[in-house]
Amino acid sequence: MERLTQQEEEVMIYFWRMGPSFIREVVNEMPDPKPPYTSVASVVRNLEKKKYLSPFKLGNSIQYHSLVKESDYKRNFLNGIVTKYFTGSYKEMVSFFVRDRKIGKKELEELMKIIENEES
């Protein structure tokens, strides 16, 4: 799975949230000041080349469908970060966030409950 640029990722998030969409619909959902239609269309073409979006012709318009699930992209991206920055250890990553005070005791307790529920 090819890594996305920040712009590509931002546009892809709209397709994941909205489902199959036209470029104009995506632009309309973006906050003001909205980017030019042509800029978003260029990003969409890149996403199509990278096999993240697939075009579907409807009349004279093209609707784009996501080919990659958001959860698959997140998993792949996070695995890359853990491998590159935390020697492949998720424990190291969580420890980093604890030491950096990004995760507190309450959040760790909530994570433990999730783990216990998954194991039972």
PDB file of N, CA and C in Angstrom:
ATOM      1  N   MET A   1       0.853  -1.173   0.000  1.00  0.00           N
ATOM      2  CA  MET A   1       0.000   0.000   0.000  1.00  0.00           C
ATOM      3  C   MET A   1       0.899   1.236   0.000  1.00  0.00           C
ATOM      4  N   GLU A   2       0.727   2.061  -1.005  1.00  0.00           N
ATOM      5  CA  GLU A   2       1.562   3.246  -1.139  1.00  0.00           C
ATOM      6  C   GLU A   2       1.137   4.329  -0.145  1.00  0.00           C
ATOM      7  N   ARG A   3       2.114   4.965   0.452  1.00  0.00           N
ATOM      8  CA  ARG A   3       1.880   6.035   1.429  1.00  0.00           C
ATOM      9  C   ARG A   3       1.292   7.244   0.713  1.00  0.00           C
ATOM     10  N   LEU A   4       0.326   7.891   1.359  1.00  0.00           N
ATOM     11  CA  LEU A   4      -0.307   9.074   0.792  1.00  0.00           C
ATOM     12  C   LEU A   4       0.370  10.344   1.285  1.00  0.00           C
ATOM     13  N   THR A   5       0.337  11.378   0.443  1.00  0.00           N
ATOM     14  CA  THR A   5       0.788  12.692   0.869  1.00  0.00           C
ATOM     15  C   THR A   5      -0.274  13.266   1.810  1.00  0.00           C
ATOM     16  N   GLN A   6       0.048  14.348   2.484  1.00  0.00           N
ATOM     17  CA  GLN A   6      -0.918  14.969   3.390  1.00  0.00           C
ATOM     18  C   GLN A   6      -2.181  15.391   2.646  1.00  0.00           C
ATOM     19  N   GLN A   7      -2.019  16.006   1.475  1.00  0.00           N
ATOM     20  CA  GLN A   7      -3.179  16.427   0.678  1.00  0.00           C
ATOM     21  C   GLN A   7      -4.029  15.231   0.267  1.00  0.00           C
ATOM     22  N   GLU A   8      -3.375  14.167  -0.180  1.00  0.00           N
ATOM     23  CA  GLU A   8      -4.105  12.970  -0.598  1.00  0.00           C
ATOM     24  C   GLU A   8      -4.862  12.366   0.572  1.00  0.00           C
ATOM     25  N   GLU A   9      -4.214  12.325   1.719  1.00  0.00           N
ATOM     26  CA  GLU A   9      -4.848  11.772   2.910  1.00  0.00           C
ATOM     27  C   GLU A   9      -6.075  12.597   3.309  1.00  0.00           C
ATOM     28  N   GLU A  10      -5.944  13.921   3.263  1.00  0.00           N
ATOM     29  CA  GLU A  10      -7.065  14.796   3.615  1.00  0.00           C
ATOM     30  C   GLU A  10      -8.257  14.574   2.696  1.00  0.00           C
ATOM     31  N   VAL A  11      -8.006  14.434   1.398  1.00  0.00           N
ATOM     32  CA  VAL A  11      -9.099  14.187   0.452  1.00  0.00           C
ATOM     33  C   VAL A  11      -9.678  12.792   0.663  1.00  0.00           C
ATOM     34  N   MET A  12      -8.815  11.823   0.901  1.00  0.00           N
ATOM     35  CA  MET A  12      -9.273  10.444   1.095  1.00  0.00           C
ATOM     36  C   MET A  12     -10.193  10.334   2.304  1.00  0.00           C
ATOM     37  N   ILE A  13      -9.923  11.109   3.345  1.00  0.00           N
ATOM     38  CA  ILE A  13     -10.762  11.088   4.545  1.00  0.00           C
ATOM     39  C   ILE A  13     -12.206  11.429   4.194  1.00  0.00           C
ATOM     40  N   TYR A  14     -12.410  12.356   3.259  1.00  0.00           N
ATOM     41  CA  TYR A  14     -13.779  12.703   2.849  1.00  0.00           C
ATOM     42  C   TYR A  14     -14.453  11.523   2.155  1.00  0.00           C
ATOM     43  N   PHE A  15     -13.723  10.815   1.304  1.00  0.00           N
ATOM     44  CA  PHE A  15     -14.319   9.655   0.633  1.00  0.00           C
ATOM     45  C   PHE A  15     -14.644   8.555   1.642  1.00  0.00           C
ATOM     46  N   TRP A  16     -13.795   8.365   2.650  1.00  0.00           N
ATOM     47  CA  TRP A  16     -14.092   7.366   3.675  1.00  0.00           C
ATOM     48  C   TRP A  16     -15.324   7.765   4.470  1.00  0.00           C
ATOM     49  N   ARG A  17     -15.459   9.016   4.795  1.00  0.00           N
ATOM     50  CA  ARG A  17     -16.618   9.478   5.587  1.00  0.00           C
ATOM     51  C   ARG A  17     -17.900   9.502   4.774  1.00  0.00           C
ATOM     52  N   MET A  18     -17.798   9.948   3.519  1.00  0.00           N
ATOM     53  CA  MET A  18     -18.993  10.177   2.702  1.00  0.00           C
ATOM     54  C   MET A  18     -19.397   8.973   1.864  1.00  0.00           C
ATOM     55  N   GLY A  19     -18.473   8.055   1.625  1.00  0.00           N
ATOM     56  CA  GLY A  19     -18.763   6.955   0.719  1.00  0.00           C
ATOM     57  C   GLY A  19     -18.609   7.421  -0.719  1.00  0.00           C
ATOM     58  N   PRO A  20     -19.132   6.661  -1.677  1.00  0.00           N
ATOM     59  CA  PRO A  20     -18.997   7.047  -3.084  1.00  0.00           C
ATOM     60  C   PRO A  20     -19.460   8.486  -3.296  1.00  0.00           C
ATOM     61  N   SER A  21     -18.609   9.288  -3.938  1.00  0.00           N
ATOM     62  CA  SER A  21     -18.899  10.718  -4.073  1.00  0.00           C
ATOM     63  C   SER A  21     -18.329  11.282  -5.361  1.00  0.00           C
ATOM     64  N   PHE A  22     -18.898  12.409  -5.749  1.00  0.00           N
ATOM     65  CA  PHE A  22     -18.379  13.202  -6.857  1.00  0.00           C
ATOM     66  C   PHE A  22     -17.394  14.222  -6.281  1.00  0.00           C
ATOM     67  N   ILE A  23     -16.468  14.675  -7.104  1.00  0.00           N
ATOM     68  CA  ILE A  23     -15.476  15.649  -6.639  1.00  0.00           C
ATOM     69  C   ILE A  23     -16.171  16.891  -6.090  1.00  0.00           C
ATOM     70  N   ARG A  24     -17.199  17.359  -6.771  1.00  0.00           N
ATOM     71  CA  ARG A  24     -17.916  18.565  -6.339  1.00  0.00           C
ATOM     72  C   ARG A  24     -18.485  18.376  -4.926  1.00  0.00           C
ATOM     73  N   GLU A  25     -18.989  17.196  -4.614  1.00  0.00           N
ATOM     74  CA  GLU A  25     -19.521  16.926  -3.273  1.00  0.00           C
ATOM     75  C   GLU A  25     -18.428  17.018  -2.213  1.00  0.00           C
ATOM     76  N   VAL A  26     -17.259  16.509  -2.552  1.00  0.00           N
ATOM     77  CA  VAL A  26     -16.134  16.568  -1.619  1.00  0.00           C
ATOM     78  C   VAL A  26     -15.725  18.011  -1.378  1.00  0.00           C
ATOM     79  N   VAL A  27     -15.594  18.784  -2.453  1.00  0.00           N
ATOM     80  CA  VAL A  27     -15.221  20.202  -2.323  1.00  0.00           C
ATOM     81  C   VAL A  27     -16.241  20.930  -1.464  1.00  0.00           C
ATOM     82  N   ASN A  28     -17.526  20.644  -1.656  1.00  0.00           N
ATOM     83  CA  ASN A  28     -18.579  21.306  -0.876  1.00  0.00           C
ATOM     84  C   ASN A  28     -18.490  20.991   0.616  1.00  0.00           C
ATOM     85  N   GLU A  29     -17.971  19.829   0.969  1.00  0.00           N
ATOM     86  CA  GLU A  29     -17.841  19.438   2.370  1.00  0.00           C
ATOM     87  C   GLU A  29     -16.619  20.051   3.051  1.00  0.00           C
ATOM     88  N   MET A  30     -15.684  20.519   2.266  1.00  0.00           N
ATOM     89  CA  MET A  30     -14.442  21.071   2.814  1.00  0.00           C
ATOM     90  C   MET A  30     -14.701  22.428   3.469  1.00  0.00           C
ATOM     91  N   PRO A  31     -13.907  22.751   4.502  1.00  0.00           N
ATOM     92  CA  PRO A  31     -14.098  24.028   5.187  1.00  0.00           C
ATOM     93  C   PRO A  31     -13.656  25.208   4.314  1.00  0.00           C
ATOM     94  N   ASP A  32     -14.193  26.372   4.634  1.00  0.00           N
ATOM     95  CA  ASP A  32     -13.789  27.600   3.945  1.00  0.00           C
ATOM     96  C   ASP A  32     -12.425  28.043   4.434  1.00  0.00           C
ATOM     97  N   PRO A  33     -11.601  28.605   3.635  1.00  0.00           N
ATOM     98  CA  PRO A  33     -11.781  28.790   2.196  1.00  0.00           C
ATOM     99  C   PRO A  33     -11.580  27.469   1.453  1.00  0.00           C
ATOM    100  N   LYS A  34     -12.545  27.132   0.631  1.00  0.00           N
ATOM    101  CA  LYS A  34     -12.511  25.865  -0.093  1.00  0.00           C
ATOM    102  C   LYS A  34     -11.408  25.890  -1.158  1.00  0.00           C
ATOM    103  N   PRO A  35     -10.727  24.764  -1.334  1.00  0.00           N
ATOM    104  CA  PRO A  35      -9.707  24.714  -2.389  1.00  0.00           C
ATOM    105  C   PRO A  35     -10.384  24.725  -3.761  1.00  0.00           C
ATOM    106  N   PRO A  36      -9.666  25.127  -4.794  1.00  0.00           N
ATOM    107  CA  PRO A  36     -10.242  25.087  -6.142  1.00  0.00           C
ATOM    108  C   PRO A  36     -10.612  23.655  -6.543  1.00  0.00           C
ATOM    109  N   TYR A  37     -11.685  23.536  -7.291  1.00  0.00           N
ATOM    110  CA  TYR A  37     -12.141  22.240  -7.792  1.00  0.00           C
ATOM    111  C   TYR A  37     -10.998  21.519  -8.508  1.00  0.00           C
ATOM    112  N   THR A  38     -10.252  22.261  -9.324  1.00  0.00           N
ATOM    113  CA  THR A  38      -9.184  21.648 -10.116  1.00  0.00           C
ATOM    114  C   THR A  38      -8.084  21.056  -9.228  1.00  0.00           C
ATOM    115  N   SER A  39      -7.822  21.684  -8.092  1.00  0.00           N
ATOM    116  CA  SER A  39      -6.806  21.154  -7.171  1.00  0.00           C
ATOM    117  C   SER A  39      -7.261  19.829  -6.580  1.00  0.00           C
ATOM    118  N   VAL A  40      -8.520  19.772  -6.165  1.00  0.00           N
ATOM    119  CA  VAL A  40      -9.057  18.531  -5.600  1.00  0.00           C
ATOM    120  C   VAL A  40      -9.113  17.456  -6.684  1.00  0.00           C
ATOM    121  N   ALA A  41      -9.487  17.840  -7.894  1.00  0.00           N
ATOM    122  CA  ALA A  41      -9.545  16.881  -9.010  1.00  0.00           C
ATOM    123  C   ALA A  41      -8.162  16.294  -9.286  1.00  0.00           C
ATOM    124  N   SER A  42      -7.134  17.111  -9.184  1.00  0.00           N
ATOM    125  CA  SER A  42      -5.765  16.633  -9.385  1.00  0.00           C
ATOM    126  C   SER A  42      -5.379  15.612  -8.314  1.00  0.00           C
ATOM    127  N   VAL A  43      -5.740  15.893  -7.071  1.00  0.00           N
ATOM    128  CA  VAL A  43      -5.460  14.960  -5.974  1.00  0.00           C
ATOM    129  C   VAL A  43      -6.229  13.656  -6.198  1.00  0.00           C
ATOM    130  N   VAL A  44      -7.467  13.759  -6.630  1.00  0.00           N
ATOM    131  CA  VAL A  44      -8.287  12.567  -6.890  1.00  0.00           C
ATOM    132  C   VAL A  44      -7.652  11.722  -7.995  1.00  0.00           C
ATOM    133  N   ARG A  45      -7.124  12.363  -9.039  1.00  0.00           N
ATOM    134  CA  ARG A  45      -6.438  11.602 -10.106  1.00  0.00           C
ATOM    135  C   ARG A  45      -5.233  10.850  -9.543  1.00  0.00           C
ATOM    136  N   ASN A  46      -4.493  11.490  -8.639  1.00  0.00           N
ATOM    137  CA  ASN A  46      -3.356  10.810  -8.002  1.00  0.00           C
ATOM    138  C   ASN A  46      -3.830   9.617  -7.176  1.00  0.00           C
ATOM    139  N   LEU A  47      -4.937   9.798  -6.453  1.00  0.00           N
ATOM    140  CA  LEU A  47      -5.486   8.708  -5.641  1.00  0.00           C
ATOM    141  C   LEU A  47      -5.967   7.556  -6.531  1.00  0.00           C
ATOM    142  N   GLU A  48      -6.461   7.903  -7.706  1.00  0.00           N
ATOM    143  CA  GLU A  48      -6.875   6.872  -8.661  1.00  0.00           C
ATOM    144  C   GLU A  48      -5.648   6.108  -9.176  1.00  0.00           C
ATOM    145  N   LYS A  49      -4.558   6.820  -9.487  1.00  0.00           N
ATOM    146  CA  LYS A  49      -3.324   6.176  -9.962  1.00  0.00           C
ATOM    147  C   LYS A  49      -2.728   5.269  -8.893  1.00  0.00           C
ATOM    148  N   LYS A  50      -2.872   5.677  -7.635  1.00  0.00           N
ATOM    149  CA  LYS A  50      -2.338   4.883  -6.523  1.00  0.00           C
ATOM    150  C   LYS A  50      -3.278   3.762  -6.100  1.00  0.00           C
ATOM    151  N   LYS A  51      -4.398   3.626  -6.814  1.00  0.00           N
ATOM    152  CA  LYS A  51      -5.382   2.560  -6.570  1.00  0.00           C
ATOM    153  C   LYS A  51      -6.113   2.709  -5.228  1.00  0.00           C
ATOM    154  N   TYR A  52      -6.346   3.956  -4.818  1.00  0.00           N
ATOM    155  CA  TYR A  52      -7.138   4.223  -3.618  1.00  0.00           C
ATOM    156  C   TYR A  52      -8.588   4.523  -3.990  1.00  0.00           C
ATOM    157  N   LEU A  53      -8.794   5.084  -5.182  1.00  0.00           N
ATOM    158  CA  LEU A  53     -10.133   5.412  -5.656  1.00  0.00           C
ATOM    159  C   LEU A  53     -10.352   4.795  -7.029  1.00  0.00           C
ATOM    160  N   SER A  54     -11.615   4.462  -7.283  1.00  0.00           N
ATOM    161  CA  SER A  54     -11.990   3.915  -8.581  1.00  0.00           C
ATOM    162  C   SER A  54     -13.113   4.774  -9.162  1.00  0.00           C
ATOM    163  N   PRO A  55     -12.978   5.181 -10.436  1.00  0.00           N
ATOM    164  CA  PRO A  55     -14.037   5.996 -11.056  1.00  0.00           C
ATOM    165  C   PRO A  55     -15.205   5.130 -11.515  1.00  0.00           C
ATOM    166  N   PHE A  56     -16.407   5.699 -11.416  1.00  0.00           N
ATOM    167  CA  PHE A  56     -17.610   5.021 -11.884  1.00  0.00           C
ATOM    168  C   PHE A  56     -18.421   6.061 -12.648  1.00  0.00           C
ATOM    169  N   LYS A  57     -18.562   5.867 -13.947  1.00  0.00           N
ATOM    170  CA  LYS A  57     -19.239   6.853 -14.789  1.00  0.00           C
ATOM    171  C   LYS A  57     -20.750   6.771 -14.591  1.00  0.00           C
ATOM    172  N   LEU A  58     -21.333   7.914 -14.254  1.00  0.00           N
ATOM    173  CA  LEU A  58     -22.783   8.043 -14.120  1.00  0.00           C
ATOM    174  C   LEU A  58     -23.227   9.184 -15.024  1.00  0.00           C
ATOM    175  N   GLY A  59     -23.781   8.840 -16.182  1.00  0.00           N
ATOM    176  CA  GLY A  59     -24.149   9.876 -17.155  1.00  0.00           C
ATOM    177  C   GLY A  59     -22.900  10.591 -17.627  1.00  0.00           C
ATOM    178  N   ASN A  60     -22.886  11.924 -17.468  1.00  0.00           N
ATOM    179  CA  ASN A  60     -21.727  12.713 -17.864  1.00  0.00           C
ATOM    180  C   ASN A  60     -20.777  12.970 -16.700  1.00  0.00           C
ATOM    181  N   SER A  61     -21.075  12.431 -15.542  1.00  0.00           N
ATOM    182  CA  SER A  61     -20.272  12.674 -14.346  1.00  0.00           C
ATOM    183  C   SER A  61     -19.543  11.401 -13.912  1.00  0.00           C
ATOM    184  N   ILE A  62     -18.542  11.607 -13.071  1.00  0.00           N
ATOM    185  CA  ILE A  62     -17.776  10.469 -12.551  1.00  0.00           C
ATOM    186  C   ILE A  62     -17.856  10.483 -11.031  1.00  0.00           C
ATOM    187  N   GLN A  63     -18.334   9.379 -10.511  1.00  0.00           N
ATOM    188  CA  GLN A  63     -18.396   9.187  -9.065  1.00  0.00           C
ATOM    189  C   GLN A  63     -17.211   8.298  -8.682  1.00  0.00           C
ATOM    190  N   TYR A  64     -16.572   8.635  -7.569  1.00  0.00           N
ATOM    191  CA  TYR A  64     -15.399   7.872  -7.132  1.00  0.00           C
ATOM    192  C   TYR A  64     -15.734   7.014  -5.921  1.00  0.00           C
ATOM    193  N   HIS A  65     -15.238   5.791  -5.956  1.00  0.00           N
ATOM    194  CA  HIS A  65     -15.456   4.818  -4.893  1.00  0.00           C
ATOM    195  C   HIS A  65     -14.111   4.459  -4.275  1.00  0.00           C
ATOM    196  N   SER A  66     -14.088   4.339  -2.978  1.00  0.00           N
ATOM    197  CA  SER A  66     -12.866   3.967  -2.273  1.00  0.00           C
ATOM    198  C   SER A  66     -12.544   2.494  -2.528  1.00  0.00           C
ATOM    199  N   LEU A  67     -11.293   2.214  -2.835  1.00  0.00           N
ATOM    200  CA  LEU A  67     -10.835   0.838  -3.012  1.00  0.00           C
ATOM    201  C   LEU A  67     -10.102   0.323  -1.777  1.00  0.00           C
ATOM    202  N   VAL A  68      -9.739   1.247  -0.879  1.00  0.00           N
ATOM    203  CA  VAL A  68      -8.991   0.909   0.324  1.00  0.00           C
ATOM    204  C   VAL A  68      -9.823   1.317   1.537  1.00  0.00           C
ATOM    205  N   LYS A  69     -10.005   0.391   2.459  1.00  0.00           N
ATOM    206  CA  LYS A  69     -10.740   0.704   3.684  1.00  0.00           C
ATOM    207  C   LYS A  69      -9.889   1.590   4.582  1.00  0.00           C
ATOM    208  N   GLU A  70     -10.555   2.498   5.278  1.00  0.00           N
ATOM    209  CA  GLU A  70      -9.850   3.392   6.191  1.00  0.00           C
ATOM    210  C   GLU A  70      -9.089   2.598   7.247  1.00  0.00           C
ATOM    211  N   SER A  71      -9.702   1.553   7.776  1.00  0.00           N
ATOM    212  CA  SER A  71      -9.049   0.747   8.815  1.00  0.00           C
ATOM    213  C   SER A  71      -7.791   0.068   8.272  1.00  0.00           C
ATOM    214  N   ASP A  72      -7.812  -0.376   7.013  1.00  0.00           N
ATOM    215  CA  ASP A  72      -6.627  -1.002   6.412  1.00  0.00           C
ATOM    216  C   ASP A  72      -5.504   0.016   6.250  1.00  0.00           C
ATOM    217  N   TYR A  73      -5.867   1.231   5.826  1.00  0.00           N
ATOM    218  CA  TYR A  73      -4.856   2.280   5.666  1.00  0.00           C
ATOM    219  C   TYR A  73      -4.247   2.641   7.015  1.00  0.00           C
ATOM    220  N   LYS A  74      -5.086   2.827   8.019  1.00  0.00           N
ATOM    221  CA  LYS A  74      -4.592   3.170   9.357  1.00  0.00           C
ATOM    222  C   LYS A  74      -3.660   2.082   9.885  1.00  0.00           C
ATOM    223  N   ARG A  75      -4.066   0.834   9.716  1.00  0.00           N
ATOM    224  CA  ARG A  75      -3.261  -0.292  10.200  1.00  0.00           C
ATOM    225  C   ARG A  75      -1.894  -0.298   9.511  1.00  0.00           C
ATOM    226  N   ASN A  76      -1.902  -0.135   8.199  1.00  0.00           N
ATOM    227  CA  ASN A  76      -0.661  -0.148   7.438  1.00  0.00           C
ATOM    228  C   ASN A  76       0.234   1.028   7.821  1.00  0.00           C
ATOM    229  N   PHE A  77      -0.361   2.209   7.949  1.00  0.00           N
ATOM    230  CA  PHE A  77       0.388   3.412   8.307  1.00  0.00           C
ATOM    231  C   PHE A  77       0.972   3.286   9.706  1.00  0.00           C
ATOM    232  N   LEU A  78       0.158   2.817  10.647  1.00  0.00           N
ATOM    233  CA  LEU A  78       0.618   2.680  12.025  1.00  0.00           C
ATOM    234  C   LEU A  78       1.709   1.614  12.142  1.00  0.00           C
ATOM    235  N   ASN A  79       1.556   0.510  11.423  1.00  0.00           N
ATOM    236  CA  ASN A  79       2.602  -0.515  11.428  1.00  0.00           C
ATOM    237  C   ASN A  79       3.929   0.065  10.950  1.00  0.00           C
ATOM    238  N   GLY A  80       3.873   0.931   9.946  1.00  0.00           N
ATOM    239  CA  GLY A  80       5.088   1.564   9.440  1.00  0.00           C
ATOM    240  C   GLY A  80       5.735   2.463  10.481  1.00  0.00           C
ATOM    241  N   ILE A  81       4.928   3.223  11.192  1.00  0.00           N
ATOM    242  CA  ILE A  81       5.453   4.107  12.243  1.00  0.00           C
ATOM    243  C   ILE A  81       6.080   3.287  13.365  1.00  0.00           C
ATOM    244  N   VAL A  82       5.377   2.247  13.792  1.00  0.00           N
ATOM    245  CA  VAL A  82       5.894   1.408  14.883  1.00  0.00           C
ATOM    246  C   VAL A  82       7.209   0.758  14.465  1.00  0.00           C
ATOM    247  N   THR A  83       7.282   0.274  13.250  1.00  0.00           N
ATOM    248  CA  THR A  83       8.508  -0.364  12.761  1.00  0.00           C
ATOM    249  C   THR A  83       9.651   0.646  12.664  1.00  0.00           C
ATOM    250  N   LYS A  84       9.357   1.816  12.122  1.00  0.00           N
ATOM    251  CA  LYS A  84      10.403   2.809  11.864  1.00  0.00           C
ATOM    252  C   LYS A  84      10.878   3.521  13.127  1.00  0.00           C
ATOM    253  N   TYR A  85       9.959   3.879  14.017  1.00  0.00           N
ATOM    254  CA  TYR A  85      10.312   4.728  15.155  1.00  0.00           C
ATOM    255  C   TYR A  85      10.347   4.022  16.509  1.00  0.00           C
ATOM    256  N   PHE A  86       9.724   2.849  16.594  1.00  0.00           N
ATOM    257  CA  PHE A  86       9.633   2.162  17.887  1.00  0.00           C
ATOM    258  C   PHE A  86      10.142   0.725  17.809  1.00  0.00           C
ATOM    259  N   THR A  87      11.086   0.477  16.939  1.00  0.00           N
ATOM    260  CA  THR A  87      11.712  -0.839  16.746  1.00  0.00           C
ATOM    261  C   THR A  87      10.695  -1.979  16.678  1.00  0.00           C
ATOM    262  N   GLY A  88       9.555  -1.697  16.068  1.00  0.00           N
ATOM    263  CA  GLY A  88       8.544  -2.729  15.881  1.00  0.00           C
ATOM    264  C   GLY A  88       7.751  -3.071  17.129  1.00  0.00           C
ATOM    265  N   SER A  89       7.889  -2.296  18.181  1.00  0.00           N
ATOM    266  CA  SER A  89       7.242  -2.617  19.453  1.00  0.00           C
ATOM    267  C   SER A  89       6.113  -1.629  19.779  1.00  0.00           C
ATOM    268  N   TYR A  90       4.902  -2.150  19.828  1.00  0.00           N
ATOM    269  CA  TYR A  90       3.763  -1.317  20.221  1.00  0.00           C
ATOM    270  C   TYR A  90       3.881  -0.912  21.691  1.00  0.00           C
ATOM    271  N   LYS A  91       4.488  -1.768  22.474  1.00  0.00           N
ATOM    272  CA  LYS A  91       4.732  -1.443  23.882  1.00  0.00           C
ATOM    273  C   LYS A  91       5.628  -0.206  23.993  1.00  0.00           C
ATOM    274  N   GLU A  92       6.670  -0.153  23.167  1.00  0.00           N
ATOM    275  CA  GLU A  92       7.552   1.018  23.141  1.00  0.00           C
ATOM    276  C   GLU A  92       6.777   2.274  22.767  1.00  0.00           C
ATOM    277  N   MET A  93       5.869   2.135  21.801  1.00  0.00           N
ATOM    278  CA  MET A  93       5.078   3.284  21.362  1.00  0.00           C
ATOM    279  C   MET A  93       4.182   3.793  22.501  1.00  0.00           C
ATOM    280  N   VAL A  94       3.493   2.889  23.166  1.00  0.00           N
ATOM    281  CA  VAL A  94       2.621   3.291  24.275  1.00  0.00           C
ATOM    282  C   VAL A  94       3.457   3.898  25.400  1.00  0.00           C
ATOM    283  N   SER A  95       4.612   3.311  25.691  1.00  0.00           N
ATOM    284  CA  SER A  95       5.500   3.852  26.721  1.00  0.00           C
ATOM    285  C   SER A  95       5.932   5.269  26.375  1.00  0.00           C
ATOM    286  N   PHE A  96       6.214   5.508  25.104  1.00  0.00           N
ATOM    287  CA  PHE A  96       6.583   6.848  24.657  1.00  0.00           C
ATOM    288  C   PHE A  96       5.474   7.848  24.973  1.00  0.00           C
ATOM    289  N   PHE A  97       4.233   7.476  24.651  1.00  0.00           N
ATOM    290  CA  PHE A  97       3.112   8.388  24.902  1.00  0.00           C
ATOM    291  C   PHE A  97       2.867   8.599  26.390  1.00  0.00           C
ATOM    292  N   VAL A  98       3.104   7.586  27.195  1.00  0.00           N
ATOM    293  CA  VAL A  98       2.966   7.730  28.646  1.00  0.00           C
ATOM    294  C   VAL A  98       4.030   8.691  29.163  1.00  0.00           C
ATOM    295  N   ARG A  99       5.272   8.466  28.767  1.00  0.00           N
ATOM    296  CA  ARG A  99       6.371   9.337  29.219  1.00  0.00           C
ATOM    297  C   ARG A  99       6.180  10.771  28.740  1.00  0.00           C
ATOM    298  N   ASP A 100       5.608  10.928  27.554  1.00  0.00           N
ATOM    299  CA  ASP A 100       5.387  12.258  26.974  1.00  0.00           C
ATOM    300  C   ASP A 100       4.070  12.875  27.465  1.00  0.00           C
ATOM    301  N   ARG A 101       3.425  12.171  28.383  1.00  0.00           N
ATOM    302  CA  ARG A 101       2.164  12.616  29.002  1.00  0.00           C
ATOM    303  C   ARG A 101       1.035  12.834  27.992  1.00  0.00           C
ATOM    304  N   LYS A 102       1.022  12.006  26.967  1.00  0.00           N
ATOM    305  CA  LYS A 102      -0.068  12.031  25.982  1.00  0.00           C
ATOM    306  C   LYS A 102      -1.162  11.038  26.365  1.00  0.00           C
ATOM    307  N   ILE A 103      -0.792  10.037  27.177  1.00  0.00           N
ATOM    308  CA  ILE A 103      -1.744   9.055  27.690  1.00  0.00           C
ATOM    309  C   ILE A 103      -1.583   9.031  29.200  1.00  0.00           C
ATOM    310  N   GLY A 104      -2.719   9.170  29.886  1.00  0.00           N
ATOM    311  CA  GLY A 104      -2.689   9.150  31.344  1.00  0.00           C
ATOM    312  C   GLY A 104      -3.210   7.845  31.905  1.00  0.00           C
ATOM    313  N   LYS A 105      -3.249   7.792  33.227  1.00  0.00           N
ATOM    314  CA  LYS A 105      -3.676   6.583  33.932  1.00  0.00           C
ATOM    315  C   LYS A 105      -5.098   6.181  33.534  1.00  0.00           C
ATOM    316  N   LYS A 106      -5.985   7.161  33.434  1.00  0.00           N
ATOM    317  CA  LYS A 106      -7.391   6.863  33.099  1.00  0.00           C
ATOM    318  C   LYS A 106      -7.488   6.204  31.716  1.00  0.00           C
ATOM    319  N   GLU A 107      -6.747   6.745  30.747  1.00  0.00           N
ATOM    320  CA  GLU A 107      -6.776   6.163  29.403  1.00  0.00           C
ATOM    321  C   GLU A 107      -6.174   4.761  29.391  1.00  0.00           C
ATOM    322  N   LEU A 108      -5.118   4.557  30.170  1.00  0.00           N
ATOM    323  CA  LEU A 108      -4.516   3.220  30.243  1.00  0.00           C
ATOM    324  C   LEU A 108      -5.482   2.218  30.872  1.00  0.00           C
ATOM    325  N   GLU A 109      -6.222   2.654  31.884  1.00  0.00           N
ATOM    326  CA  GLU A 109      -7.228   1.777  32.494  1.00  0.00           C
ATOM    327  C   GLU A 109      -8.313   1.429  31.489  1.00  0.00           C
ATOM    328  N   GLU A 110      -8.729   2.412  30.688  1.00  0.00           N
ATOM    329  CA  GLU A 110      -9.728   2.154  29.648  1.00  0.00           C
ATOM    330  C   GLU A 110      -9.192   1.162  28.615  1.00  0.00           C
ATOM    331  N   LEU A 111      -7.916   1.312  28.247  1.00  0.00           N
ATOM    332  CA  LEU A 111      -7.296   0.366  27.313  1.00  0.00           C
ATOM    333  C   LEU A 111      -7.259  -1.041  27.901  1.00  0.00           C
ATOM    334  N   MET A 112      -6.958  -1.141  29.183  1.00  0.00           N
ATOM    335  CA  MET A 112      -6.934  -2.452  29.839  1.00  0.00           C
ATOM    336  C   MET A 112      -8.319  -3.110  29.819  1.00  0.00           C
ATOM    337  N   LYS A 113      -9.368  -2.319  30.023  1.00  0.00           N
ATOM    338  CA  LYS A 113     -10.735  -2.859  29.950  1.00  0.00           C
ATOM    339  C   LYS A 113     -11.038  -3.383  28.552  1.00  0.00           C
ATOM    340  N   ILE A 114     -10.593  -2.634  27.540  1.00  0.00           N
ATOM    341  CA  ILE A 114     -10.812  -3.089  26.160  1.00  0.00           C
ATOM    342  C   ILE A 114     -10.086  -4.405  25.925  1.00  0.00           C
ATOM    343  N   ILE A 115      -8.847  -4.486  26.387  1.00  0.00           N
ATOM    344  CA  ILE A 115      -8.058  -5.725  26.225  1.00  0.00           C
ATOM    345  C   ILE A 115      -8.738  -6.888  26.955  1.00  0.00           C
ATOM    346  N   GLU A 116      -9.186  -6.662  28.180  1.00  0.00           N
ATOM    347  CA  GLU A 116      -9.850  -7.722  28.939  1.00  0.00           C
ATOM    348  C   GLU A 116     -11.128  -8.177  28.263  1.00  0.00           C
ATOM    349  N   ASN A 117     -11.890  -7.232  27.692  1.00  0.00           N
ATOM    350  CA  ASN A 117     -13.124  -7.598  26.984  1.00  0.00           C
ATOM    351  C   ASN A 117     -12.840  -8.386  25.716  1.00  0.00           C
ATOM    352  N   GLU A 118     -11.762  -8.058  25.038  1.00  0.00           N
ATOM    353  CA  GLU A 118     -11.378  -8.775  23.816  1.00  0.00           C
ATOM    354  C   GLU A 118     -10.926 -10.199  24.123  1.00  0.00           C
ATOM    355  N   GLU A 119     -10.286 -10.368  25.279  1.00  0.00           N
ATOM    356  CA  GLU A 119      -9.781 -11.694  25.640  1.00  0.00           C
ATOM    357  C   GLU A 119     -10.882 -12.629  26.117  1.00  0.00           C
ATOM    358  N   SER A 120     -11.987 -12.075  26.592  1.00  0.00           N
ATOM    359  CA  SER A 120     -13.057 -12.957  27.111  1.00  0.00           C
ATOM    360  C   SER A 120     -14.095 -13.279  26.073  1.00  0.00           C
TER     361      SER A 120
END
